[in-house]
Amino acid sequence: QVQLVESGGGLVRAGDSLRLSCVASGRTITYGVGWFRQGPGKERDFVAAISWNAVSTFYSDNVKGRFTITRDNAKNTVALQMNSLKPEDTAIYFCAASTQPRTILTAARAANEYDYWGQGTQVTVSS
């Protein structure tokens, strides 16, 4: 089993920045990590993903150039730096971890490639 705990959410104004963190613990080895978000009344959408070796990253079109995903395997932590936040970024942000070996080298964008999910952290961006 793996436990994922997100932190760093909050209430900010448009144009501000936030840094989300996802810390993993447990005995099961996981590889790729992704961030997803679910806005009010919306489905859960892909935001960003990173491979275990951090060489491969993917971003959704609506966050590309504003968000950056990084990881520190020594600390079992993946971070999502979010700059130039917009009201439409308001959502619950979830991190997810994959046990799929292919995510060692390749970041995964599909939710069904992830096996473990955190409880989420709320990000609210006011205009």
Foldseek 3Di string as FASTA:
>chain_A
DKAKAKDWADEEAAQAKIKMKIAMDDDQDFWKKFKWWAAVPGDIAGAKIATRVRPEMDGDPVQPPFWDWDDDVVRRMIMIIGGRDDQVVWTWMKMFTARDPVSNPYIDGDPVRTDDMYPTDTHGYHD
